[in-house]
Protein backbone atom coordinates (compact mmCIF):
# COMPACT_ATOMS: atom_id res chain seq x y z
CA UNK A 1 -42.51 -6.65 -29.06
CA UNK A 2 -43.96 -4.16 -26.89
CA UNK A 3 -47.73 -4.73 -26.07
CA UNK A 4 -49.92 -4.02 -28.07
CA UNK A 5 -52.26 -2.61 -24.76
CA UNK A 6 -52.33 1.25 -24.11
CA UNK A 7 -55.54 1.02 -22.35
CA UNK A 8 -55.58 3.35 -19.10
CA UNK A 9 -56.71 2.35 -15.72
CA UNK A 10 -58.68 4.47 -13.44
CA UNK A 11 -55.87 5.70 -10.62
CA UNK A 12 -56.70 3.33 -7.13
CA UNK A 13 -58.26 0.45 -9.46
CA UNK A 14 -56.16 -2.43 -8.05
CA UNK A 15 -56.22 -0.89 -4.21
CA UNK A 16 -58.16 -2.59 -1.45
CA UNK A 17 -61.79 -1.17 -1.74
CA UNK A 18 -61.32 0.88 1.75
CA UNK A 19 -58.00 2.27 0.36
CA UNK A 20 -59.56 3.19 -2.69
CA UNK A 21 -62.60 4.84 -1.35
CA UNK A 22 -60.09 6.96 0.91
CA UNK A 23 -58.20 7.91 -1.94
CA UNK A 24 -61.25 8.66 -4.22
CA UNK A 25 -62.65 10.96 -1.16
CA UNK A 26 -59.18 12.67 -0.78
CA UNK A 27 -59.68 13.58 -4.95
CA UNK A 28 -63.23 14.96 -4.17
CA UNK A 29 -62.12 16.61 -1.23
CA UNK A 30 -58.96 18.59 -2.71
CA UNK A 31 -59.94 19.17 -6.41
CA UNK A 32 -61.40 22.43 -6.46
CA UNK A 33 -58.98 24.83 -4.19
CA UNK A 34 -57.50 22.45 -1.18
CA UNK A 35 -54.40 20.98 -0.68
CA UNK A 36 -53.65 17.10 0.74
CA UNK A 37 -52.37 18.38 3.77
CA UNK A 38 -55.30 20.54 5.14
CA UNK A 39 -57.25 17.50 5.09
CA UNK A 40 -58.57 15.97 8.39
CA UNK A 41 -58.42 12.11 8.91
CA UNK A 42 -62.33 12.51 10.60
CA UNK A 43 -63.49 14.57 7.68
CA UNK A 44 -61.90 12.12 5.22
CA UNK A 45 -63.27 9.28 6.44
CA UNK A 46 -66.23 10.47 6.64
CA UNK A 47 -66.54 11.86 3.09
CA UNK A 48 -65.30 8.21 2.09
CA UNK A 49 -68.41 6.32 4.57
CA UNK A 50 -66.07 4.61 6.44
CA UNK A 51 -64.89 4.93 10.49
CA UNK A 52 -61.76 7.01 10.91
CA UNK A 53 -59.88 3.86 12.47
CA UNK A 54 -59.82 2.27 9.05
CA UNK A 55 -57.47 4.82 7.48
CA UNK A 56 -54.65 3.92 9.47
CA UNK A 57 -54.98 0.11 7.72
CA UNK A 58 -53.93 1.91 4.80
CA UNK A 59 -51.93 4.89 5.26
CA UNK A 60 -49.49 5.74 8.10
CA UNK A 61 -50.50 9.63 7.47
CA UNK A 62 -52.19 11.51 4.92
CA UNK A 63 -48.38 12.33 3.26
CA UNK A 64 -48.41 8.61 2.92
CA UNK A 65 -51.92 9.11 1.08
CA UNK A 66 -50.58 11.63 -1.33
CA UNK A 67 -47.36 9.74 -1.86
CA UNK A 68 -49.59 6.60 -2.78
CA UNK A 69 -51.84 8.68 -5.28
CA UNK A 70 -49.09 10.82 -7.03
CA UNK A 71 -46.94 7.71 -7.75
CA UNK A 72 -50.20 5.64 -9.34
CA UNK A 73 -50.83 8.15 -11.76
CA UNK A 74 -47.27 8.05 -12.50
CA UNK A 75 -46.98 4.09 -12.50
CA UNK A 76 -50.09 4.07 -14.86
CA UNK A 77 -48.98 6.31 -16.64
CA UNK A 78 -45.07 5.85 -17.78
CA UNK A 79 -45.46 2.24 -19.32
CA UNK A 80 -48.39 3.23 -21.61
CA UNK A 81 -46.40 6.32 -22.85
CA UNK A 82 -43.19 4.08 -23.51
CA UNK A 83 -45.27 1.68 -25.34
CA UNK A 84 -47.06 3.77 -27.58
CA UNK A 85 -43.64 5.84 -28.46
CA UNK A 86 -42.35 2.53 -29.57
CA UNK A 87 -45.39 1.41 -31.51
CA UNK A 88 -45.39 4.63 -33.18
CA UNK A 89 -41.81 5.19 -34.83
CA UNK A 90 -42.42 1.43 -35.63
CA UNK A 91 -45.69 1.94 -37.86
CA UNK A 92 -43.68 5.41 -39.32
CA UNK A 93 -40.96 3.00 -40.34
CA UNK A 94 -42.36 2.91 -43.39
CA UNK A 95 -42.10 6.12 -44.10
CA UNK A 96 -38.25 6.35 -44.22
CA UNK A 97 -38.65 7.63 -48.27
CA UNK A 98 -36.66 10.55 -50.12
CA UNK A 99 -39.54 12.44 -50.45
CA UNK A 100 -40.09 12.26 -46.60
CA UNK A 101 -39.30 16.09 -44.67
CA UNK A 102 -35.70 15.57 -43.16
CA UNK A 103 -33.78 17.93 -40.27
CA UNK A 104 -30.37 16.24 -40.61
CA UNK A 105 -30.96 13.06 -41.48
CA UNK A 106 -34.10 12.80 -39.18
CA UNK A 107 -37.40 11.80 -40.28
CA UNK A 108 -39.39 14.51 -39.86
CA UNK A 109 -42.56 12.85 -40.29
CA UNK A 110 -41.84 9.50 -38.21
CA UNK A 111 -40.91 11.74 -35.42
CA UNK A 112 -44.21 13.84 -35.46
CA UNK A 113 -46.07 10.79 -35.60
CA UNK A 114 -44.25 9.45 -32.45
CA UNK A 115 -45.08 12.99 -30.62
CA UNK A 116 -48.37 13.19 -31.61
CA UNK A 117 -49.36 9.85 -29.99
CA UNK A 118 -47.70 10.39 -27.01
CA UNK A 119 -49.40 13.62 -26.47
CA UNK A 120 -53.05 12.38 -27.25
CA UNK A 121 -52.27 9.35 -24.95
CA UNK A 122 -51.12 11.96 -21.78
CA UNK A 123 -54.43 13.81 -22.82
CA UNK A 124 -56.02 11.43 -22.78
CA UNK A 125 -55.37 9.89 -19.44
CA UNK A 126 -56.02 13.74 -18.35
CA UNK A 127 -59.30 13.64 -19.62
CA UNK A 128 -59.97 10.18 -17.61
CA UNK A 129 -58.51 11.43 -14.13
CA UNK A 130 -59.17 14.91 -13.98
CA UNK A 131 -59.50 15.20 -10.29
CA UNK A 132 -56.04 13.31 -9.45
CA UNK A 133 -54.23 15.81 -12.37
CA UNK A 134 -55.45 18.31 -10.76
CA UNK A 135 -54.57 17.65 -7.20
CA UNK A 136 -51.29 16.15 -8.21
CA UNK A 137 -50.18 19.10 -10.00
CA UNK A 138 -50.71 21.50 -7.21
CA UNK A 139 -49.23 19.53 -5.06
CA UNK A 140 -45.82 20.44 -7.07
CA UNK A 141 -46.27 24.05 -4.97
CA UNK A 142 -47.81 22.56 -1.80
CA UNK A 143 -46.73 22.43 2.05
CA UNK A 144 -45.44 19.31 2.01
CA UNK A 145 -41.59 18.81 1.18
CA UNK A 146 -42.68 14.71 0.49
CA UNK A 147 -45.26 15.73 -1.53
CA UNK A 148 -43.38 18.12 -3.77
CA UNK A 149 -40.65 15.61 -3.62
CA UNK A 150 -43.41 12.81 -5.12
CA UNK A 151 -44.26 14.85 -7.68
CA UNK A 152 -40.78 15.99 -9.08
CA UNK A 153 -39.64 12.08 -8.94
CA UNK A 154 -42.48 11.46 -11.17
CA UNK A 155 -41.85 13.84 -13.56
CA UNK A 156 -38.19 12.87 -13.77
CA UNK A 157 -39.18 9.54 -14.68
CA UNK A 158 -41.26 10.53 -17.15
CA UNK A 159 -38.38 12.55 -18.40
CA UNK A 160 -35.97 10.15 -18.03
CA UNK A 161 -38.51 7.27 -20.36
CA UNK A 162 -38.78 10.11 -22.88
CA UNK A 163 -34.47 10.82 -22.58
CA UNK A 164 -33.83 6.90 -23.14
CA UNK A 165 -36.68 6.81 -26.15
CA UNK A 166 -35.60 10.21 -28.50
CA UNK A 167 -32.00 7.95 -27.74
CA UNK A 168 -33.02 4.35 -28.75
CA UNK A 169 -35.63 5.69 -31.31
CA UNK A 170 -33.13 7.73 -33.05
CA UNK A 171 -36.16 10.45 -32.75
CA UNK A 172 -32.80 13.16 -32.96
CA UNK A 173 -29.45 13.57 -34.30
CA UNK A 174 -26.95 11.72 -32.98
CA UNK A 175 -24.95 14.32 -32.26
CA UNK A 176 -27.09 15.75 -28.87
CA UNK A 177 -25.36 14.60 -26.21
CA UNK A 178 -27.48 12.68 -23.12
CA UNK A 179 -26.72 15.28 -20.88
CA UNK A 180 -28.51 18.02 -23.69
CA UNK A 181 -31.11 15.14 -24.22
CA UNK A 182 -32.43 15.21 -20.96
CA UNK A 183 -32.87 19.36 -20.75
CA UNK A 184 -35.01 18.78 -23.69
CA UNK A 185 -36.94 15.92 -22.35
CA UNK A 186 -37.18 17.77 -18.76
CA UNK A 187 -38.28 20.91 -20.17
CA UNK A 188 -40.77 19.19 -22.51
CA UNK A 189 -42.73 16.83 -19.63
CA UNK A 190 -42.79 20.22 -17.04
CA UNK A 191 -44.80 21.95 -20.02
CA UNK A 192 -46.79 19.18 -20.63
CA UNK A 193 -47.85 18.89 -16.64
CA UNK A 194 -48.54 22.52 -16.44
CA UNK A 195 -50.40 22.00 -19.58
CA UNK A 196 -53.07 19.58 -18.26
CA UNK A 197 -53.96 22.45 -15.93
CA UNK A 198 -54.61 24.95 -18.89
CA UNK A 199 -56.39 22.15 -20.69
CA UNK A 200 -59.07 20.94 -17.79
CA UNK A 201 -59.54 24.36 -16.71
CA UNK A 202 -60.22 25.68 -20.70
CA UNK A 203 -62.34 22.67 -21.99
CA UNK A 204 -63.44 25.02 -25.34
CA UNK A 205 -59.27 25.21 -26.06
CA UNK A 206 -58.77 21.41 -25.73
CA UNK A 207 -58.54 20.97 -29.19
CA UNK A 208 -56.60 23.97 -29.25
CA UNK A 209 -53.91 23.08 -26.62
CA UNK A 210 -53.16 19.63 -27.38
CA UNK A 211 -51.97 20.99 -30.94
CA UNK A 212 -49.75 23.25 -29.50
CA UNK A 213 -48.32 20.91 -27.05
CA UNK A 214 -47.34 19.27 -30.37
CA UNK A 215 -45.89 21.99 -31.88
CA UNK A 216 -44.29 23.32 -29.08
CA UNK A 217 -42.41 19.86 -28.08
CA UNK A 218 -41.44 19.84 -32.46
CA UNK A 219 -40.12 22.63 -32.81
CA UNK A 220 -38.31 22.30 -28.76
CA UNK A 221 -36.60 19.24 -30.66
CA UNK A 222 -36.18 20.94 -34.28
CA UNK A 223 -34.64 24.25 -32.77
CA UNK A 224 -32.12 22.02 -30.37
CA UNK A 225 -31.03 19.91 -33.73
CA UNK A 226 -30.43 23.40 -35.63
CA UNK A 227 -28.26 24.82 -32.86
CA UNK A 228 -26.37 21.53 -32.49
CA UNK A 229 -25.49 21.52 -35.98
CA UNK A 230 -24.28 25.12 -35.85
CA UNK A 231 -21.93 24.45 -32.40
CA UNK A 232 -24.23 26.83 -31.02
CA UNK A 233 -26.25 24.34 -28.67
CA UNK A 234 -25.39 25.57 -24.98
CA UNK A 235 -27.43 23.09 -22.77
C-alpha cells in the first residue's frame, strides 16, 4: 500500500546549510528574468552571504548547481504524485456502479477524481516553490545544454510515471498501447509544466487554470479512447 503522506518538502531542505543557501540565492537572483548560466560565482556567494570559496565545496560549476536544483524538484514531486494517484484510485473504487458515467468500460468518475487530485497537488507544489518552477522551466529554453537535458529528463520521468499509473490503475481502455500512452502522458506533462508559468504570472486566474488543466487531461484521454475504438488513433 502507498504511504498516506503526500506532503511536499521545500527544495534543498535536505542539503547542508551552505549548499542550501547557494541554491536559494540562485533562485532569488534568477526568478525575474536571468538564466542560471549568467550568474557569477562571486555574485552568487555574496547573495548567499558566504565566502566565494564555499561554492566549490558543494558544486563544480554553475551547471552543477542548476542540475541539483532541477533534479531536486523532480525528486520531491514524483513520489508524492504517484502515491496520491494510487490513493485517489483506491478511494474511488466504490464508485463502480451502473449509474456511473462510462467510456468504453472506463469509470469516468474514478478517472476524474484521480486527475483532480493529481492536478491539485501539482499546482500546490508550484504555489509552494514558485521561484524554483520559474527558473526550472526557463532553463528548458536556456543556453546550457546540460540544464536543458536535465529538465527534459525530469519531465520524461513524470511522463513515465503517469504512463505506468494509467496502465496499472486501468484509467484508460486496455486497447491503447504503451507507446500511445507514452505520447499522451508526455503531452499532459509538458502542458502542465508550461501552464505553471501562466499560473504564477496571473494570480487572478489560478483557480480557472487548475480547472482548465483538469479538463484538458480528461478531454485528451477521452478523445484518445474514442479514436482508438474507431481505429483512428494514429499516435
